[in-house]
Structure formats: structure tokens, C-alpha cells
Amino acid sequence: MVRYKPARSDRKKKEPSGLSSAIPCLVLLIAGMALFFLLLYAVLRGA
């Protein structure tokens, strides 16, 4: 009969660092907004 070992809970849990993971998200968000506004500007200027 096969015995299953329980998952180890003594491993060190990685603490997610909020700032280092938020910076790339903010950069992508700001770049996306800038591209959107540039597209809107180009469409409205051509009209």
C-alpha cells in the first residue's frame, strides 16, 4: 500500500514585497494610458 507524505509546512514562506511587484504594474498601466490618449488625440486631430 502506498503511503502519502503530507506537504511540508516548515518551508519558509516568501513574503511578497508590495513595492517591487507594484512598480512594473504601474509602469504598464501608465504606458497603456499614454498610448490610449495619444491614439485619441491623433483621431480627434484628424477629424
Protein backbone atom coordinates (compact mmCIF):
# COMPACT_ATOMS: atom_id res chain seq x y z
CA MET A 1 0.00 0.00 0.00
CA VAL A 2 1.28 3.45 -0.88
CA ARG A 3 1.82 6.00 1.85
CA TYR A 4 1.40 9.65 1.07
CA LYS A 5 3.54 12.20 2.84
CA PRO A 6 1.82 15.40 3.89
CA ALA A 7 3.11 18.61 2.36
CA ARG A 8 5.82 20.24 4.40
CA SER A 9 4.64 23.29 6.25
CA ASP A 10 8.05 24.16 7.69
CA ARG A 11 9.24 25.76 4.46
CA LYS A 12 9.89 29.45 4.68
CA LYS A 13 7.03 31.31 3.14
CA LYS A 14 8.05 34.01 0.71
CA GLU A 15 6.74 37.36 1.83
CA PRO A 16 5.51 39.24 -1.23
CA SER A 17 7.12 42.64 -1.36
CA GLY A 18 4.41 45.07 -2.31
CA LEU A 19 6.53 47.81 -3.83
CA SER A 20 8.74 45.68 -6.05
CA SER A 21 5.74 43.92 -7.58
CA ALA A 22 3.69 47.10 -7.96
CA ILE A 23 6.28 49.06 -9.96
CA PRO A 24 6.03 47.03 -13.22
CA CYS A 25 2.25 47.06 -12.97
CA LEU A 26 2.18 50.83 -12.60
CA VAL A 27 4.60 51.29 -15.50
CA LEU A 28 2.41 49.14 -17.76
CA LEU A 29 -0.72 50.95 -16.66
CA ILE A 30 0.75 54.40 -17.28
CA ALA A 31 2.19 53.33 -20.66
CA GLY A 32 -1.19 51.92 -21.70
CA MET A 33 -3.00 55.10 -20.69
CA ALA A 34 -0.46 57.24 -22.57
CA LEU A 35 -0.86 55.17 -25.73
CA PHE A 36 -4.64 55.38 -25.44
CA PHE A 37 -4.58 59.16 -25.06
CA LEU A 38 -2.14 59.54 -27.96
CA LEU A 39 -4.44 57.44 -30.14
CA LEU A 40 -7.44 59.53 -29.11
CA TYR A 41 -5.50 62.72 -29.81
CA ALA A 42 -4.49 61.51 -33.27
CA VAL A 43 -8.07 60.51 -34.11
CA LEU A 44 -9.55 63.79 -32.92
CA ARG A 45 -6.86 65.88 -34.60
CA GLY A 46 -7.50 64.21 -37.95
CA ALA A 47 -11.25 64.88 -37.79
